[in-house]
Amino acid sequence: MKLQWRLAALKNGFQDATAYRVEFLFEILGSALVPAAIQWVLWYALFQLGGATQVAGMSYMDLIHYTFVSLLFSQVRGGDHDFELAEMIRSGQLSNYLLRPVGVVEFVYIRGVASRLFIAGLCLTLGVILAQFLGFSGPRMIGAMFLALLGNIIHYQVGAALATTAFLWEEAYSLLMVKNMVVNLLSGELIPLNLFPPSLQWIWKSTPFYLFVFGPTQYALGHWSHTEFFTQVGIALVWIGLGRALIRGTWGLGMKRYLSLGG
């Protein structure tokens, strides 16, 4: 009887693990293939149907290369840890984490970053292979992936700071959803940011979001020099420092409110 129970438990565990892997795979493929298909249709309409030869100095093949390479970095910048933080605050589950020896913001990120690192390694491997066919440098892909991982940290910091609105407003999800839509546009995930009109390019240049997808793609494709790359890494580190200070401020104020309500 015990043997049958153990076999059934192992079978159920195997089925659950398989279902999780399949769901994980479809999530990656869906988030990658759908935007790529939309961009390809847009470039095809502009160049093949519309007769354009260049858009913002980029040819049809330039935009196709951008689409495929940017997909690798758009998978790295994601994560819904900020939604998890907001739910913890809203539901009161935050109290269960306050006694841990590590800060709750850091704990949630560390706990959830493993899957993102796995995706980064997978995308890096694909990128190095893709580099052999598109004619750009494999070592550049490694540097670009490092910049994308710095962007992942910044993305989480911004979300973690915005999640503190749950201390004041129960439905903080809408604000986080707006943040995601803004990031999708200003990160270069939807379109190359150099397609912005020159008079509006200050918008994306004044945010750290271009470091998530557009910046790594530019370096991987050879459009940024090594000097520009290291400059952007320095800028990313500055943004990480500012994000840390922002988290300390917003969470410091939020925890005071949370504790007072708990009392």
Protein backbone atom coordinates (compact mmCIF):
# COMPACT_ATOMS: atom_id res chain seq x y z
CA MET A 1 0.00 0.00 0.00
CA LYS A 2 2.82 2.37 0.91
CA LEU A 3 4.62 1.49 -2.31
CA GLN A 4 1.55 2.27 -4.38
CA TRP A 5 1.13 5.59 -2.58
CA ARG A 6 4.76 6.52 -3.24
CA LEU A 7 4.48 5.56 -6.90
CA ALA A 8 1.33 7.66 -7.23
CA ALA A 9 3.05 10.59 -5.54
CA LEU A 10 6.04 10.30 -7.87
CA LYS A 11 3.73 10.12 -10.89
CA ASN A 12 1.80 13.21 -9.79
CA GLY A 13 5.03 15.06 -9.10
CA PHE A 14 6.37 14.14 -12.53
CA GLN A 15 3.15 15.31 -14.19
CA ASP A 16 3.21 18.59 -12.29
CA ALA A 17 6.86 19.18 -13.23
CA THR A 18 6.13 18.39 -16.87
CA ALA A 19 3.13 20.72 -16.91
CA TYR A 20 5.25 23.50 -15.39
CA ARG A 21 7.99 23.04 -18.00
CA VAL A 22 5.47 23.08 -20.84
CA GLU A 23 3.79 26.19 -19.44
CA PHE A 24 7.18 27.85 -19.00
CA LEU A 25 8.14 27.01 -22.59
CA PHE A 26 4.89 28.32 -24.05
CA GLU A 27 5.21 31.51 -21.99
CA ILE A 28 8.65 32.17 -23.47
CA LEU A 29 7.59 31.32 -27.01
CA GLY A 30 4.42 33.40 -26.77
CA SER A 31 6.18 36.48 -25.41
CA ALA A 32 8.84 36.17 -28.12
CA LEU A 33 7.06 35.07 -31.27
CA VAL A 34 4.01 37.34 -31.12
CA PRO A 35 5.96 40.66 -30.96
CA ALA A 36 8.39 39.37 -33.61
CA ALA A 37 5.53 38.52 -35.95
CA ILE A 38 3.94 41.94 -35.46
CA GLN A 39 7.23 43.72 -36.16
CA TRP A 40 7.91 41.59 -39.24
CA VAL A 41 4.47 42.45 -40.66
CA LEU A 42 5.18 46.16 -40.03
CA TRP A 43 8.60 46.07 -41.72
CA TYR A 44 7.19 44.04 -44.62
CA ALA A 45 4.41 46.56 -45.14
CA LEU A 46 6.84 49.51 -45.09
CA PHE A 47 9.49 48.06 -47.38
CA GLN A 48 7.94 45.36 -49.55
CA LEU A 49 4.49 46.86 -49.97
CA GLY A 50 5.18 50.53 -49.33
CA GLY A 51 8.36 50.65 -51.40
CA ALA A 52 10.52 52.29 -48.73
CA THR A 53 14.26 51.78 -48.99
CA GLN A 54 15.28 53.14 -45.57
CA VAL A 55 13.56 54.22 -42.37
CA ALA A 56 15.60 56.42 -40.03
CA GLY A 57 18.75 55.21 -41.80
CA MET A 58 17.83 51.54 -41.32
CA SER A 59 17.27 49.12 -44.19
CA TYR A 60 14.82 46.23 -44.26
CA MET A 61 17.53 43.75 -43.19
CA ASP A 62 18.73 46.12 -40.44
CA LEU A 63 15.24 46.12 -38.93
CA ILE A 64 14.89 42.34 -39.29
CA HIS A 65 18.22 41.88 -37.48
CA TYR A 66 17.08 44.28 -34.78
CA THR A 67 13.84 42.36 -34.34
CA PHE A 68 15.51 38.99 -33.87
CA VAL A 69 18.34 40.20 -31.62
CA SER A 70 16.14 42.45 -29.47
CA LEU A 71 13.90 39.45 -28.73
CA LEU A 72 16.76 37.85 -26.82
CA PHE A 73 17.06 40.82 -24.47
CA SER A 74 13.34 41.47 -24.09
CA GLN A 75 13.06 38.03 -22.46
CA VAL A 76 15.64 39.04 -19.85
CA ARG A 77 14.15 42.31 -18.72
CA GLY A 78 10.82 40.81 -17.67
CA GLY A 79 9.55 39.54 -14.34
CA ASP A 80 6.48 40.19 -12.22
CA HIS A 81 8.16 40.48 -8.82
CA ASP A 82 6.71 43.97 -8.36
CA PHE A 83 3.18 42.55 -8.67
CA GLU A 84 4.11 39.96 -6.04
CA LEU A 85 5.28 42.72 -3.69
CA ALA A 86 2.06 44.69 -4.21
CA GLU A 87 -0.03 41.59 -3.47
CA MET A 88 1.98 40.89 -0.32
CA ILE A 89 1.27 44.41 0.91
CA ARG A 90 -2.40 44.34 -0.08
CA SER A 91 -3.14 40.95 1.48
CA GLY A 92 -1.07 41.45 4.63
CA GLN A 93 1.29 38.57 3.77
CA LEU A 94 4.14 41.03 4.12
CA SER A 95 4.12 40.40 7.89
CA ASN A 96 5.36 36.85 7.28
CA TYR A 97 8.53 38.17 5.68
CA LEU A 98 9.48 40.94 8.08
CA LEU A 99 11.28 38.57 10.47
CA ARG A 100 13.57 37.17 7.78
CA PRO A 101 17.27 38.11 8.03
CA VAL A 102 17.17 39.75 4.59
CA GLY A 103 15.09 42.71 3.39
CA VAL A 104 11.79 41.73 1.81
CA VAL A 105 12.56 43.59 -1.45
CA GLU A 106 15.90 41.80 -1.85
CA PHE A 107 14.38 38.47 -0.77
CA VAL A 108 11.63 38.56 -3.41
CA TYR A 109 14.13 39.44 -6.15
CA ILE A 110 16.65 36.76 -5.18
CA ARG A 111 13.91 34.14 -4.93
CA GLY A 112 12.58 34.92 -8.39
CA VAL A 113 15.74 35.77 -10.32
CA ALA A 114 16.80 32.15 -10.93
CA SER A 115 14.34 31.63 -13.80
CA ARG A 116 15.42 34.92 -15.36
CA LEU A 117 19.10 33.90 -15.16
CA PHE A 118 18.22 30.61 -16.84
CA ILE A 119 16.48 32.50 -19.64
CA ALA A 120 19.47 34.86 -19.92
CA GLY A 121 21.82 31.89 -20.32
CA LEU A 122 19.55 30.33 -22.93
CA CYS A 123 19.23 33.62 -24.85
CA LEU A 124 23.00 34.18 -24.66
CA THR A 125 23.62 30.73 -26.16
CA LEU A 126 21.13 31.41 -28.95
CA GLY A 127 22.65 34.85 -29.50
CA VAL A 128 26.17 33.52 -29.88
CA ILE A 129 24.88 30.98 -32.39
CA LEU A 130 22.85 33.66 -34.19
CA ALA A 131 25.94 35.86 -34.35
CA GLN A 132 27.60 33.35 -36.68
CA PHE A 133 24.79 33.76 -39.21
CA LEU A 134 24.19 37.52 -38.92
CA GLY A 135 27.85 38.41 -38.94
CA PHE A 136 28.22 40.18 -35.59
CA SER A 137 30.54 39.40 -32.71
CA GLY A 138 29.89 36.70 -30.11
CA PRO A 139 31.89 38.56 -27.41
CA ARG A 140 29.71 41.61 -28.05
CA MET A 141 26.69 39.44 -27.29
CA ILE A 142 28.20 38.54 -23.90
CA GLY A 143 28.71 42.22 -23.03
CA ALA A 144 25.22 43.06 -24.28
CA MET A 145 23.69 40.35 -22.10
CA PHE A 146 25.54 41.75 -19.08
CA LEU A 147 24.01 45.17 -19.80
CA ALA A 148 20.58 43.55 -20.15
CA LEU A 149 20.98 41.91 -16.72
CA LEU A 150 21.79 45.30 -15.22
CA GLY A 151 18.61 46.51 -16.90
CA ASN A 152 16.71 43.68 -15.23
CA ILE A 153 17.83 44.96 -11.83
CA ILE A 154 16.77 48.52 -12.68
CA HIS A 155 13.42 47.27 -13.95
CA TYR A 156 12.79 45.48 -10.67
CA GLN A 157 13.85 48.50 -8.63
CA VAL A 158 11.40 50.75 -10.47
CA GLY A 159 8.62 48.21 -9.99
CA ALA A 160 9.47 47.66 -6.31
CA ALA A 161 9.30 51.39 -5.64
CA LEU A 162 5.94 51.68 -7.44
CA ALA A 163 4.62 48.65 -5.54
CA THR A 164 4.70 50.71 -2.35
CA THR A 165 1.61 52.55 -3.62
CA ALA A 166 -0.22 49.45 -2.31
CA PHE A 167 0.36 50.87 1.18
CA LEU A 168 -1.93 53.75 0.18
CA TRP A 169 -4.02 52.37 -2.65
CA GLU A 170 -5.39 48.84 -2.71
CA GLU A 171 -5.48 48.61 -6.50
CA ALA A 172 -1.81 49.33 -7.22
CA TYR A 173 -1.89 46.84 -10.11
CA SER A 174 -3.12 49.45 -12.57
CA LEU A 175 -0.09 51.66 -11.91
CA LEU A 176 2.25 48.69 -12.42
CA MET A 177 0.45 47.80 -15.66
CA VAL A 178 0.92 51.36 -16.93
CA LYS A 179 4.60 51.10 -16.01
CA ASN A 180 4.90 47.91 -18.06
CA MET A 181 3.29 49.55 -21.10
CA VAL A 182 5.64 52.53 -20.86
CA VAL A 183 8.63 50.20 -20.50
CA ASN A 184 7.52 48.17 -23.53
CA LEU A 185 7.65 51.32 -25.64
CA LEU A 186 10.67 53.14 -24.19
CA SER A 187 12.86 50.04 -23.83
CA GLY A 188 12.96 49.46 -27.58
CA GLU A 189 11.03 46.22 -27.35
CA LEU A 190 8.27 47.33 -29.73
CA ILE A 191 10.31 49.45 -32.15
CA PRO A 192 13.92 50.67 -32.40
CA LEU A 193 14.15 53.88 -30.41
CA ASN A 194 15.99 55.70 -33.20
CA LEU A 195 12.66 55.67 -35.06
CA PHE A 196 11.49 58.34 -32.64
CA PRO A 197 11.45 61.83 -34.18
CA PRO A 198 14.66 63.71 -33.26
CA SER A 199 12.64 66.26 -31.29
CA LEU A 200 11.20 63.47 -29.08
CA GLN A 201 14.27 61.33 -28.52
CA TRP A 202 14.99 63.14 -25.25
CA ILE A 203 12.06 61.20 -23.78
CA TRP A 204 13.69 57.79 -23.92
CA LYS A 205 17.18 59.15 -23.32
CA SER A 206 16.06 60.63 -19.99
CA THR A 207 14.90 57.25 -18.64
CA PRO A 208 16.87 54.06 -17.88
CA PHE A 209 14.46 51.96 -19.92
CA TYR A 210 16.54 52.04 -23.12
CA LEU A 211 19.19 50.04 -21.24
CA PHE A 212 16.83 47.05 -21.09
CA VAL A 213 16.55 46.13 -24.79
CA PHE A 214 17.60 48.91 -27.17
CA GLY A 215 21.05 49.45 -25.65
CA PRO A 216 22.08 45.79 -25.55
CA THR A 217 20.81 45.31 -29.10
CA GLN A 218 22.76 48.30 -30.36
CA TYR A 219 25.98 46.97 -28.86
CA ALA A 220 25.39 43.39 -30.00
CA LEU A 221 24.82 44.53 -33.59
CA GLY A 222 27.94 46.70 -33.56
CA HIS A 223 26.17 50.07 -33.64
CA TRP A 224 27.81 51.13 -30.35
CA SER A 225 31.56 51.34 -29.88
CA HIS A 226 33.23 49.68 -26.89
CA THR A 227 33.68 53.13 -25.34
CA GLU A 228 29.97 53.86 -25.67
CA PHE A 229 29.18 50.47 -24.16
CA PHE A 230 31.28 51.04 -21.04
CA THR A 231 29.77 54.52 -20.74
CA GLN A 232 26.30 52.98 -20.75
CA VAL A 233 27.36 50.36 -18.17
CA GLY A 234 28.46 53.24 -15.95
CA ILE A 235 25.11 54.96 -16.49
CA ALA A 236 23.32 51.71 -15.60
CA LEU A 237 25.28 51.45 -12.34
CA VAL A 238 24.34 55.03 -11.48
CA TRP A 239 20.67 54.20 -12.10
CA ILE A 240 21.00 51.13 -9.86
CA GLY A 241 22.39 53.35 -7.09
CA LEU A 242 19.51 55.80 -7.54
CA GLY A 243 17.03 52.92 -7.59
CA ARG A 244 18.40 51.58 -4.32
CA ALA A 245 18.01 55.00 -2.71
CA LEU A 246 14.47 55.28 -4.12
CA ILE A 247 13.53 51.88 -2.66
CA ARG A 248 14.93 52.79 0.75
CA GLY A 249 12.89 56.00 0.74
CA THR A 250 9.59 54.61 -0.53
CA TRP A 251 9.70 51.44 1.55
CA GLY A 252 10.79 53.37 4.63
CA LEU A 253 7.70 55.55 4.37
CA GLY A 254 5.47 52.64 3.45
CA MET A 255 6.60 50.44 6.34
CA LYS A 256 5.82 53.21 8.80
CA ARG A 257 2.29 53.31 7.47
CA TYR A 258 2.02 49.54 7.39
CA LEU A 259 3.16 49.19 10.99
CA SER A 260 0.83 51.92 12.19
CA LEU A 261 -2.13 50.20 10.53
CA GLY A 262 -1.04 46.89 12.00
CA GLY A 263 -1.05 48.44 15.44
